[in-house]
């Protein structure tokens, strides 16, 4: 399972006031529902095009915001 909790911090770190502002500026390439689900760790499979769009928009690599969550 993956943990996407770093994404919000990266969005803020890149100068956006909120994830909503980030979405508004990139809505032609980023699906709002997918972004919401990722931000709330409610997604089981991440589309490759979404990963590419986030990485391009934030100038990051997938490992900067996707972390592996291990079971206890």
Protein backbone atom coordinates (compact mmCIF):
# COMPACT_ATOMS: atom_id res chain seq x y z
CA UNK A 1 0.00 0.00 0.00
CA UNK A 2 1.16 3.55 -0.66
CA UNK A 3 1.11 6.73 1.39
CA UNK A 4 0.61 10.00 -0.49
CA UNK A 5 0.58 12.34 2.51
CA UNK A 6 3.69 14.18 1.27
CA UNK A 7 1.84 15.53 -1.77
CA UNK A 8 0.04 18.33 0.09
CA UNK A 9 3.30 19.51 1.66
CA UNK A 10 4.99 19.53 -1.76
CA UNK A 11 2.13 21.55 -3.25
CA UNK A 12 2.43 24.16 -0.48
CA UNK A 13 6.24 24.09 -0.71
CA UNK A 14 6.03 24.94 -4.41
CA UNK A 15 4.20 28.18 -3.62
CA UNK A 16 0.56 27.20 -3.97
CA UNK A 17 -1.74 28.42 -1.20
CA UNK A 18 -3.75 25.23 -1.28
CA UNK A 19 -4.28 22.01 -3.24
CA UNK A 20 -7.35 23.72 -4.74
CA UNK A 21 -5.20 26.50 -6.21
CA UNK A 22 -2.81 23.88 -7.55
CA UNK A 23 -5.70 22.04 -9.20
CA UNK A 24 -7.13 25.23 -10.73
CA UNK A 25 -3.78 26.02 -12.34
CA UNK A 26 -3.31 22.48 -13.68
CA UNK A 27 -6.87 21.26 -14.27
CA UNK A 28 -6.28 20.62 -17.96
CA UNK A 29 -3.92 17.76 -17.03
CA UNK A 30 -4.98 16.69 -13.54
CA UNK A 31 -8.26 15.00 -12.70
CA UNK A 32 -9.88 16.66 -9.67
CA UNK A 33 -11.41 13.48 -8.26
CA UNK A 34 -8.12 11.60 -8.54
CA UNK A 35 -6.28 14.47 -6.83
CA UNK A 36 -8.85 14.51 -4.02
CA UNK A 37 -8.62 10.75 -3.56
CA UNK A 38 -4.81 10.83 -3.53
CA UNK A 39 -4.73 13.70 -1.04
CA UNK A 40 -7.00 11.70 1.27
CA UNK A 41 -5.23 8.34 0.72
CA UNK A 42 -8.45 6.90 -0.75
CA UNK A 43 -7.02 5.53 -3.96
CA UNK A 44 -5.86 1.99 -4.63
CA UNK A 45 -4.35 2.40 -8.10
CA UNK A 46 -2.70 5.51 -9.41
CA UNK A 47 -2.99 6.20 -13.15
CA UNK A 48 0.41 6.65 -14.83
CA UNK A 49 -0.71 9.84 -16.55
CA UNK A 50 -1.66 11.30 -13.16
CA UNK A 51 1.79 10.48 -11.76
CA UNK A 52 3.43 12.11 -14.79
CA UNK A 53 1.23 15.21 -14.53
CA UNK A 54 1.96 15.70 -10.83
CA UNK A 55 5.70 15.20 -11.36
CA UNK A 56 5.77 17.64 -14.28
CA UNK A 57 3.68 20.27 -12.47
CA UNK A 58 5.73 20.15 -9.27
CA UNK A 59 9.11 19.30 -10.85
CA UNK A 60 9.52 16.23 -8.63
CA UNK A 61 10.02 12.49 -8.96
CA UNK A 62 7.39 9.94 -7.87
CA UNK A 63 9.52 8.95 -4.87
CA UNK A 64 9.31 12.52 -3.58
CA UNK A 65 5.59 12.13 -2.85
CA UNK A 66 4.77 8.42 -3.01
CA UNK A 67 5.95 6.36 -0.05
CA UNK A 68 5.45 2.68 0.61
CA UNK A 69 3.34 1.97 3.66
CA UNK A 70 4.27 -1.25 5.41
CA UNK A 71 1.84 -3.32 7.45
CA UNK A 72 2.20 -3.67 11.17
